[in-house]
Amino acid sequence: MAFILWIIAVILVVAGIVSLFRGQILWGAVLIIVGLLVGPGGVSIFT
């Protein structure tokens, strides 16, 4: 389960970074924050 959460977190953070480069600052920041919350290495909302 932790591996799946890690993959989802990486996808969200990468999507957030891409959004930042496209000029969508708010959406990119939200995706990065959600990715960091979901990731098992950081503060996970599931544990």
PDB file of N, CA and C in Angstrom:
ATOM      1  N   MET A   1       0.828  -1.202   0.000  1.00  0.00           N
ATOM      2  CA  MET A   1       0.000   0.000   0.000  1.00  0.00           C
ATOM      3  C   MET A   1       0.867   1.260   0.000  1.00  0.00           C
ATOM      4  N   ALA A   2       1.972   1.206   0.748  1.00  0.00           N
ATOM      5  CA  ALA A   2       2.857   2.377   0.806  1.00  0.00           C
ATOM      6  C   ALA A   2       3.449   2.676  -0.564  1.00  0.00           C
ATOM      7  N   PHE A   3       3.738   1.640  -1.342  1.00  0.00           N
ATOM      8  CA  PHE A   3       4.313   1.848  -2.672  1.00  0.00           C
ATOM      9  C   PHE A   3       3.314   2.547  -3.589  1.00  0.00           C
ATOM     10  N   ILE A   4       2.050   2.150  -3.495  1.00  0.00           N
ATOM     11  CA  ILE A   4       1.012   2.776  -4.325  1.00  0.00           C
ATOM     12  C   ILE A   4       0.848   4.246  -3.942  1.00  0.00           C
ATOM     13  N   LEU A   5       0.855   4.540  -2.635  1.00  0.00           N
ATOM     14  CA  LEU A   5       0.761   5.934  -2.192  1.00  0.00           C
ATOM     15  C   LEU A   5       1.953   6.739  -2.671  1.00  0.00           C
ATOM     16  N   TRP A   6       3.146   6.120  -2.679  1.00  0.00           N
ATOM     17  CA  TRP A   6       4.349   6.811  -3.135  1.00  0.00           C
ATOM     18  C   TRP A   6       4.233   7.158  -4.615  1.00  0.00           C
ATOM     19  N   ILE A   7       3.734   6.220  -5.413  1.00  0.00           N
ATOM     20  CA  ILE A   7       3.558   6.458  -6.850  1.00  0.00           C
ATOM     21  C   ILE A   7       2.557   7.586  -7.086  1.00  0.00           C
ATOM     22  N   ILE A   8       1.429   7.565  -6.360  1.00  0.00           N
ATOM     23  CA  ILE A   8       0.415   8.615  -6.519  1.00  0.00           C
ATOM     24  C   ILE A   8       0.996   9.968  -6.135  1.00  0.00           C
ATOM     25  N   ALA A   9       1.782   9.996  -5.047  1.00  0.00           N
ATOM     26  CA  ALA A   9       2.386  11.255  -4.603  1.00  0.00           C
ATOM     27  C   ALA A   9       3.343  11.796  -5.650  1.00  0.00           C
ATOM     28  N   VAL A  10       4.152  10.930  -6.249  1.00  0.00           N
ATOM     29  CA  VAL A  10       5.097  11.375  -7.281  1.00  0.00           C
ATOM     30  C   VAL A  10       4.349  11.934  -8.482  1.00  0.00           C
ATOM     31  N   ILE A  11       3.283  11.272  -8.893  1.00  0.00           N
ATOM     32  CA  ILE A  11       2.504  11.744 -10.035  1.00  0.00           C
ATOM     33  C   ILE A  11       1.890  13.113  -9.740  1.00  0.00           C
ATOM     34  N   LEU A  12       1.361  13.286  -8.520  1.00  0.00           N
ATOM     35  CA  LEU A  12       0.754  14.565  -8.171  1.00  0.00           C
ATOM     36  C   LEU A  12       1.781  15.695  -8.135  1.00  0.00           C
ATOM     37  N   VAL A  13       2.953  15.416  -7.572  1.00  0.00           N
ATOM     38  CA  VAL A  13       3.979  16.463  -7.491  1.00  0.00           C
ATOM     39  C   VAL A  13       4.492  16.822  -8.883  1.00  0.00           C
ATOM     40  N   VAL A  14       4.712  15.827  -9.730  1.00  0.00           N
ATOM     41  CA  VAL A  14       5.174  16.102 -11.090  1.00  0.00           C
ATOM     42  C   VAL A  14       4.114  16.895 -11.855  1.00  0.00           C
ATOM     43  N   ALA A  15       2.847  16.533 -11.690  1.00  0.00           N
ATOM     44  CA  ALA A  15       1.774  17.279 -12.349  1.00  0.00           C
ATOM     45  C   ALA A  15       1.718  18.710 -11.823  1.00  0.00           C
ATOM     46  N   GLY A  16       1.978  18.891 -10.535  1.00  0.00           N
ATOM     47  CA  GLY A  16       2.009  20.231  -9.964  1.00  0.00           C
ATOM     48  C   GLY A  16       3.134  21.076 -10.523  1.00  0.00           C
ATOM     49  N   ILE A  17       4.304  20.472 -10.689  1.00  0.00           N
ATOM     50  CA  ILE A  17       5.444  21.199 -11.248  1.00  0.00           C
ATOM     51  C   ILE A  17       5.170  21.586 -12.699  1.00  0.00           C
ATOM     52  N   VAL A  18       4.570  20.669 -13.459  1.00  0.00           N
ATOM     53  CA  VAL A  18       4.225  20.971 -14.847  1.00  0.00           C
ATOM     54  C   VAL A  18       3.210  22.111 -14.902  1.00  0.00           C
ATOM     55  N   SER A  19       2.247  22.099 -13.991  1.00  0.00           N
ATOM     56  CA  SER A  19       1.252  23.173 -13.951  1.00  0.00           C
ATOM     57  C   SER A  19       1.902  24.514 -13.627  1.00  0.00           C
ATOM     58  N   LEU A  20       2.885  24.504 -12.737  1.00  0.00           N
ATOM     59  CA  LEU A  20       3.589  25.742 -12.416  1.00  0.00           C
ATOM     60  C   LEU A  20       4.286  26.309 -13.645  1.00  0.00           C
ATOM     61  N   PHE A  21       4.917  25.444 -14.431  1.00  0.00           N
ATOM     62  CA  PHE A  21       5.608  25.906 -15.631  1.00  0.00           C
ATOM     63  C   PHE A  21       4.636  26.404 -16.697  1.00  0.00           C
ATOM     64  N   ARG A  22       3.397  25.911 -16.660  1.00  0.00           N
ATOM     65  CA  ARG A  22       2.400  26.362 -17.630  1.00  0.00           C
ATOM     66  C   ARG A  22       1.726  27.653 -17.188  1.00  0.00           C
ATOM     67  N   GLY A  23       2.036  28.126 -15.991  1.00  0.00           N
ATOM     68  CA  GLY A  23       1.484  29.380 -15.515  1.00  0.00           C
ATOM     69  C   GLY A  23       0.282  29.238 -14.603  1.00  0.00           C
ATOM     70  N   GLN A  24      -0.092  28.032 -14.276  1.00  0.00           N
ATOM     71  CA  GLN A  24      -1.227  27.804 -13.387  1.00  0.00           C
ATOM     72  C   GLN A  24      -0.697  27.646 -11.960  1.00  0.00           C
ATOM     73  N   ILE A  25      -0.416  28.781 -11.328  1.00  0.00           N
ATOM     74  CA  ILE A  25       0.270  28.792 -10.042  1.00  0.00           C
ATOM     75  C   ILE A  25      -0.567  28.118  -8.951  1.00  0.00           C
ATOM     76  N   LEU A  26      -1.826  28.498  -8.834  1.00  0.00           N
ATOM     77  CA  LEU A  26      -2.668  27.970  -7.758  1.00  0.00           C
ATOM     78  C   LEU A  26      -2.874  26.465  -7.897  1.00  0.00           C
ATOM     79  N   TRP A  27      -3.222  26.014  -9.095  1.00  0.00           N
ATOM     80  CA  TRP A  27      -3.457  24.592  -9.329  1.00  0.00           C
ATOM     81  C   TRP A  27      -2.182  23.787  -9.089  1.00  0.00           C
ATOM     82  N   GLY A  28      -1.050  24.306  -9.529  1.00  0.00           N
ATOM     83  CA  GLY A  28       0.222  23.619  -9.313  1.00  0.00           C
ATOM     84  C   GLY A  28       0.558  23.500  -7.841  1.00  0.00           C
ATOM     85  N   ALA A  29       0.333  24.572  -7.087  1.00  0.00           N
ATOM     86  CA  ALA A  29       0.612  24.547  -5.647  1.00  0.00           C
ATOM     87  C   ALA A  29      -0.294  23.548  -4.938  1.00  0.00           C
ATOM     88  N   VAL A  30      -1.561  23.502  -5.333  1.00  0.00           N
ATOM     89  CA  VAL A  30      -2.493  22.550  -4.715  1.00  0.00           C
ATOM     90  C   VAL A  30      -2.055  21.119  -4.986  1.00  0.00           C
ATOM     91  N   LEU A  31      -1.664  20.826  -6.226  1.00  0.00           N
ATOM     92  CA  LEU A  31      -1.233  19.467  -6.555  1.00  0.00           C
ATOM     93  C   LEU A  31       0.017  19.074  -5.782  1.00  0.00           C
ATOM     94  N   ILE A  32       0.964  19.989  -5.640  1.00  0.00           N
ATOM     95  CA  ILE A  32       2.189  19.682  -4.906  1.00  0.00           C
ATOM     96  C   ILE A  32       1.885  19.438  -3.428  1.00  0.00           C
ATOM     97  N   ILE A  33       1.039  20.271  -2.840  1.00  0.00           N
ATOM     98  CA  ILE A  33       0.704  20.097  -1.420  1.00  0.00           C
ATOM     99  C   ILE A  33      -0.030  18.780  -1.190  1.00  0.00           C
ATOM    100  N   VAL A  34      -0.981  18.452  -2.064  1.00  0.00           N
ATOM    101  CA  VAL A  34      -1.702  17.185  -1.923  1.00  0.00           C
ATOM    102  C   VAL A  34      -0.748  16.010  -2.110  1.00  0.00           C
ATOM    103  N   GLY A  35       0.181  16.125  -3.061  1.00  0.00           N
ATOM    104  CA  GLY A  35       1.161  15.063  -3.258  1.00  0.00           C
ATOM    105  C   GLY A  35       2.038  14.856  -2.040  1.00  0.00           C
ATOM    106  N   LEU A  36       2.420  15.934  -1.377  1.00  0.00           N
ATOM    107  CA  LEU A  36       3.239  15.807  -0.177  1.00  0.00           C
ATOM    108  C   LEU A  36       2.431  15.240   0.988  1.00  0.00           C
ATOM    109  N   LEU A  37       1.142  15.524   1.047  1.00  0.00           N
ATOM    110  CA  LEU A  37       0.309  14.966   2.110  1.00  0.00           C
ATOM    111  C   LEU A  37       0.042  13.476   1.912  1.00  0.00           C
ATOM    112  N   VAL A  38      -0.108  13.062   0.665  1.00  0.00           N
ATOM    113  CA  VAL A  38      -0.415  11.662   0.385  1.00  0.00           C
ATOM    114  C   VAL A  38       0.824  10.792   0.525  1.00  0.00           C
ATOM    115  N   GLY A  39       1.975  11.310   0.206  1.00  0.00           N
ATOM    116  CA  GLY A  39       3.205  10.536   0.197  1.00  0.00           C
ATOM    117  C   GLY A  39       3.534   9.921   1.545  1.00  0.00           C
ATOM    118  N   PRO A  40       3.911   8.653   1.540  1.00  0.00           N
ATOM    119  CA  PRO A  40       4.215   7.976   2.802  1.00  0.00           C
ATOM    120  C   PRO A  40       5.506   8.478   3.457  1.00  0.00           C
ATOM    121  N   GLY A  41       6.353   9.141   2.692  1.00  0.00           N
ATOM    122  CA  GLY A  41       7.588   9.665   3.260  1.00  0.00           C
ATOM    123  C   GLY A  41       7.369  10.947   4.051  1.00  0.00           C
ATOM    124  N   GLY A  42       6.293  11.656   3.763  1.00  0.00           N
ATOM    125  CA  GLY A  42       6.008  12.896   4.459  1.00  0.00           C
ATOM    126  C   GLY A  42       4.899  12.710   5.481  1.00  0.00           C
ATOM    127  N   VAL A  43       4.066  13.683   5.594  1.00  0.00           N
ATOM    128  CA  VAL A  43       2.924  13.604   6.504  1.00  0.00           C
ATOM    129  C   VAL A  43       1.776  12.981   5.720  1.00  0.00           C
ATOM    130  N   SER A  44       1.515  11.728   5.976  1.00  0.00           N
ATOM    131  CA  SER A  44       0.475  11.027   5.225  1.00  0.00           C
ATOM    132  C   SER A  44      -0.882  11.218   5.899  1.00  0.00           C
ATOM    133  N   ILE A  45      -1.889  11.523   5.107  1.00  0.00           N
ATOM    134  CA  ILE A  45      -3.229  11.704   5.665  1.00  0.00           C
ATOM    135  C   ILE A  45      -3.896  10.363   5.918  1.00  0.00           C
ATOM    136  N   PHE A  46      -3.275   9.269   5.480  1.00  0.00           N
ATOM    137  CA  PHE A  46      -3.883   7.940   5.644  1.00  0.00           C
ATOM    138  C   PHE A  46      -3.351   7.194   6.849  1.00  0.00           C
ATOM    139  N   THR A  47      -2.375   7.761   7.568  1.00  0.00           N
ATOM    140  CA  THR A  47      -1.836   7.054   8.742  1.00  0.00           C
ATOM    141  C   THR A  47      -2.041   7.850   9.998  1.00  0.00           C
TER     142      THR A  47
END
